[in-house]
């Protein structure tokens, strides 16, 4: 089965798989097609854009989000915490840890505290896609297994930077990886570090470009 992953910009992705249309963190890019499934990693405006969500939902769209995000989203979102799983239309969605332990808004106050947001592992057929959310390179990443494609933030400031994201990729060992949430950093730095130390395929997309998983 072919799965097509489109980077819309920032942390926003569209995934077409098994006849279903999935959006993750709708914010940047164009949203012309309705969603079967929407995954929101956390409530910050550049990940949980209520106007974009409103544009893509239809009557039977399922929205999955962490607890602190549910109040922003109208309707009846499916709330999951880290380490919880849910199944939507034969797609398994596993919430995993995403947090900062070394990046702080003020002393002792991380940008993304543990339990605030989620990363997600999405299993469609035999493919497993990991969207890390906004996070540092956290120990729990080392427990992720059999990841087909990892979507890792690499822009620094609020998330991993290029060297950390490369370190995370080497620990996760996905078949392929796409850096995202890049801001104005150079993804070639990430690509070089990963490719020098592994045979992981590094895919650099521009907003609006697609990667087909086979």
Protein backbone atom coordinates (compact mmCIF):
# COMPACT_ATOMS: atom_id res chain seq x y z
CA UNK A 1 0.00 0.00 0.00
CA UNK A 2 1.27 3.44 -0.92
CA UNK A 3 1.24 6.19 1.70
CA UNK A 4 1.78 9.79 0.62
CA UNK A 5 3.12 12.27 3.19
CA UNK A 6 2.96 15.98 2.35
CA UNK A 7 4.80 18.58 4.41
CA UNK A 8 2.61 21.66 4.60
CA UNK A 9 5.20 23.69 6.51
CA UNK A 10 6.20 24.07 10.17
CA UNK A 11 4.89 20.95 11.98
CA UNK A 12 1.90 20.52 9.66
CA UNK A 13 1.52 17.35 7.59
CA UNK A 14 -1.10 15.72 5.40
CA UNK A 15 -0.98 11.94 5.12
CA UNK A 16 -3.02 9.97 2.60
CA UNK A 17 -3.21 6.30 3.46
CA UNK A 18 -5.68 3.47 2.89
CA UNK A 19 -8.19 5.89 1.37
CA UNK A 20 -8.09 8.12 4.44
CA UNK A 21 -6.99 11.74 4.73
CA UNK A 22 -5.05 12.58 7.90
CA UNK A 23 -3.79 15.98 9.05
CA UNK A 24 -1.28 16.55 11.84
CA UNK A 25 -1.04 19.97 13.53
CA UNK A 26 -2.96 21.89 10.85
CA UNK A 27 -1.54 25.42 10.73
CA UNK A 28 0.67 26.20 7.71
CA UNK A 29 -0.17 25.39 4.11
CA UNK A 30 -3.37 24.95 2.11
CA UNK A 31 -6.30 22.87 3.32
CA UNK A 32 -8.58 22.02 0.42
CA UNK A 33 -9.57 18.48 1.39
CA UNK A 34 -11.70 17.39 4.32
CA UNK A 35 -10.13 15.24 7.02
CA UNK A 36 -11.00 11.76 8.20
CA UNK A 37 -8.58 12.13 11.11
CA UNK A 38 -6.88 15.15 12.70
CA UNK A 39 -4.05 14.77 15.23
CA UNK A 40 -3.11 17.75 17.38
CA UNK A 41 0.09 17.53 19.42
CA UNK A 42 -0.56 20.45 21.79
CA UNK A 43 -2.54 23.66 22.21
CA UNK A 44 -0.03 26.29 21.03
CA UNK A 45 -1.56 28.33 18.20
CA UNK A 46 0.98 27.15 15.62
CA UNK A 47 -0.06 23.53 16.19
CA UNK A 48 -3.72 23.84 17.13
CA UNK A 49 -5.13 26.39 14.69
CA UNK A 50 -8.86 26.29 15.39
CA UNK A 51 -9.72 28.14 12.16
CA UNK A 52 -7.88 25.51 10.09
CA UNK A 53 -9.46 22.65 12.02
CA UNK A 54 -12.90 24.14 11.44
CA UNK A 55 -12.16 24.29 7.71
CA UNK A 56 -11.23 20.61 7.35
CA UNK A 57 -13.69 18.81 9.62
CA UNK A 58 -16.74 17.00 8.30
CA UNK A 59 -19.49 15.22 10.15
CA UNK A 60 -17.48 12.08 10.87
CA UNK A 61 -13.98 13.58 11.28
CA UNK A 62 -12.21 12.28 14.38
CA UNK A 63 -9.92 14.71 16.21
CA UNK A 64 -7.31 13.30 18.59
CA UNK A 65 -5.59 15.63 21.07
CA UNK A 66 -4.05 15.80 24.56
CA UNK A 67 -6.24 16.81 27.54
CA UNK A 68 -5.09 20.45 27.81
CA UNK A 69 -5.99 21.01 24.16
CA UNK A 70 -9.54 19.65 24.19
CA UNK A 71 -11.19 22.85 25.46
CA UNK A 72 -9.97 24.78 22.39
CA UNK A 73 -11.54 22.34 19.96
CA UNK A 74 -15.29 22.33 19.43
CA UNK A 75 -17.18 19.09 19.07
CA UNK A 76 -16.11 15.98 20.88
CA UNK A 77 -12.38 15.36 20.40
CA UNK A 78 -10.91 12.02 21.40
CA UNK A 79 -8.56 12.83 24.28
CA UNK A 80 -5.41 10.75 24.71
CA UNK A 81 -2.49 11.08 27.10
CA UNK A 82 1.07 9.92 26.51
CA UNK A 83 1.32 6.12 26.49
CA UNK A 84 -2.37 5.72 25.56
CA UNK A 85 -3.62 4.23 22.28
CA UNK A 86 -6.76 4.62 20.23
CA UNK A 87 -7.96 3.18 16.93
CA UNK A 88 -9.73 5.18 14.22
CA UNK A 89 -10.86 3.52 10.97
CA UNK A 90 -8.26 0.74 11.32
CA UNK A 91 -5.54 3.34 11.96
CA UNK A 92 -3.82 2.86 15.32
CA UNK A 93 -2.78 6.10 17.02
CA UNK A 94 -0.37 5.86 19.94
CA UNK A 95 0.37 8.97 21.99
CA UNK A 96 4.00 9.19 23.11
CA UNK A 97 5.97 11.61 25.25
CA UNK A 98 6.92 15.04 23.89
CA UNK A 99 8.42 17.60 26.27
CA UNK A 100 11.30 19.92 27.11
CA UNK A 101 13.74 19.28 29.92
CA UNK A 102 16.49 21.64 28.72
CA UNK A 103 14.59 24.53 27.10
CA UNK A 104 12.86 26.95 29.43
CA UNK A 105 10.50 29.91 29.16
CA UNK A 106 11.86 31.02 32.54
CA UNK A 107 13.90 29.18 35.19
CA UNK A 108 12.13 25.92 36.02
CA UNK A 109 9.36 26.59 33.49
CA UNK A 110 9.89 24.57 30.28
CA UNK A 111 8.25 25.64 27.03
CA UNK A 112 6.55 22.24 26.84
CA UNK A 113 6.29 20.54 30.26
CA UNK A 114 6.01 16.77 30.49
CA UNK A 115 2.38 15.76 30.02
CA UNK A 116 1.45 19.00 28.24
CA UNK A 117 1.53 17.62 24.70
CA UNK A 118 1.93 14.43 22.72
CA UNK A 119 3.95 12.95 19.94
CA UNK A 120 2.15 10.30 17.91
CA UNK A 121 2.97 6.97 16.32
CA UNK A 122 0.45 6.23 13.58
CA UNK A 123 0.23 2.65 12.32
CA UNK A 124 -1.40 2.08 8.94
CA UNK A 125 -1.18 -1.47 7.64
CA UNK A 126 2.50 -2.34 8.22
CA UNK A 127 3.84 1.24 8.21
CA UNK A 128 4.57 3.22 11.37
CA UNK A 129 4.90 7.02 11.17
CA UNK A 130 6.23 8.96 14.15
CA UNK A 131 5.46 12.68 14.53
CA UNK A 132 7.53 13.89 17.46
CA UNK A 133 5.60 17.06 18.31
CA UNK A 134 7.48 19.86 20.07
CA UNK A 135 10.13 18.14 22.12
CA UNK A 136 13.73 17.78 23.17
CA UNK A 137 15.54 14.50 22.52
CA UNK A 138 13.84 12.66 25.39
CA UNK A 139 14.81 9.22 26.77
CA UNK A 140 11.46 7.71 25.78
CA UNK A 141 12.40 8.04 22.11
CA UNK A 142 14.85 5.18 22.55
CA UNK A 143 11.89 2.86 23.22
CA UNK A 144 10.28 3.50 19.82
CA UNK A 145 10.47 0.42 17.61
CA UNK A 146 10.03 -0.34 13.91
CA UNK A 147 9.45 3.25 12.79
CA UNK A 148 9.06 3.50 9.02
CA UNK A 149 9.17 7.31 8.90
CA UNK A 150 10.10 9.82 11.61
CA UNK A 151 9.03 13.47 11.44
CA UNK A 152 11.42 15.31 13.77
CA UNK A 153 11.60 18.99 14.78
CA UNK A 154 15.07 20.42 14.20
CA UNK A 155 14.80 24.20 14.48
CA UNK A 156 16.00 24.71 18.04
CA UNK A 157 14.75 27.32 20.56
CA UNK A 158 11.55 25.41 21.49
CA UNK A 159 12.57 21.96 20.24
CA UNK A 160 15.59 19.90 19.28
CA UNK A 161 18.14 21.62 17.07
CA UNK A 162 19.87 19.94 14.12
CA UNK A 163 22.53 18.04 16.15
CA UNK A 164 19.98 16.81 18.71
CA UNK A 165 17.46 15.83 16.04
CA UNK A 166 20.20 13.86 14.30
CA UNK A 167 21.05 12.16 17.59
CA UNK A 168 17.36 11.32 18.04
CA UNK A 169 17.13 9.89 14.53
CA UNK A 170 20.14 7.67 15.19
CA UNK A 171 18.53 6.41 18.42
CA UNK A 172 15.11 5.77 16.85
CA UNK A 173 16.55 4.13 13.72
CA UNK A 174 13.65 4.82 11.34
CA UNK A 175 13.82 3.71 7.72
CA UNK A 176 13.44 7.37 6.69
CA UNK A 177 13.30 10.75 8.42
CA UNK A 178 11.96 14.19 7.51
CA UNK A 179 13.11 17.23 9.53
CA UNK A 180 10.36 19.77 10.27
CA UNK A 181 9.65 22.76 12.54
CA UNK A 182 12.90 24.03 11.06
CA UNK A 183 12.48 27.79 11.25
CA UNK A 184 15.38 29.30 9.26
CA UNK A 185 17.94 26.60 10.09
CA UNK A 186 19.77 24.65 7.40
CA UNK A 187 18.41 21.07 7.13
CA UNK A 188 21.55 20.01 5.27
CA UNK A 189 23.32 20.08 8.66
CA UNK A 190 20.86 17.50 9.97
CA UNK A 191 21.09 15.43 6.79
CA UNK A 192 24.89 15.29 6.89
CA UNK A 193 25.02 14.18 10.54
CA UNK A 194 22.46 11.42 10.04
CA UNK A 195 23.86 10.10 6.77
CA UNK A 196 27.46 10.07 8.03
CA UNK A 197 26.50 7.80 10.91
CA UNK A 198 23.76 5.55 9.47
CA UNK A 199 21.93 4.30 6.40
CA UNK A 200 18.72 6.13 7.37
CA UNK A 201 17.18 7.84 4.36
CA UNK A 202 16.95 11.61 4.97
CA UNK A 203 14.18 13.31 3.00
CA UNK A 204 14.33 17.11 2.74
CA UNK A 205 11.02 18.58 1.62
CA UNK A 206 9.96 22.11 0.80
CA UNK A 207 6.48 23.16 1.97
CA UNK A 208 3.91 21.56 -0.32
CA UNK A 209 6.21 18.72 -1.43
CA UNK A 210 5.36 15.06 -0.96
CA UNK A 211 7.17 11.87 -0.02
CA UNK A 212 5.70 8.53 -1.06
CA UNK A 213 6.22 5.58 1.25
CA UNK A 214 6.15 2.22 -0.49
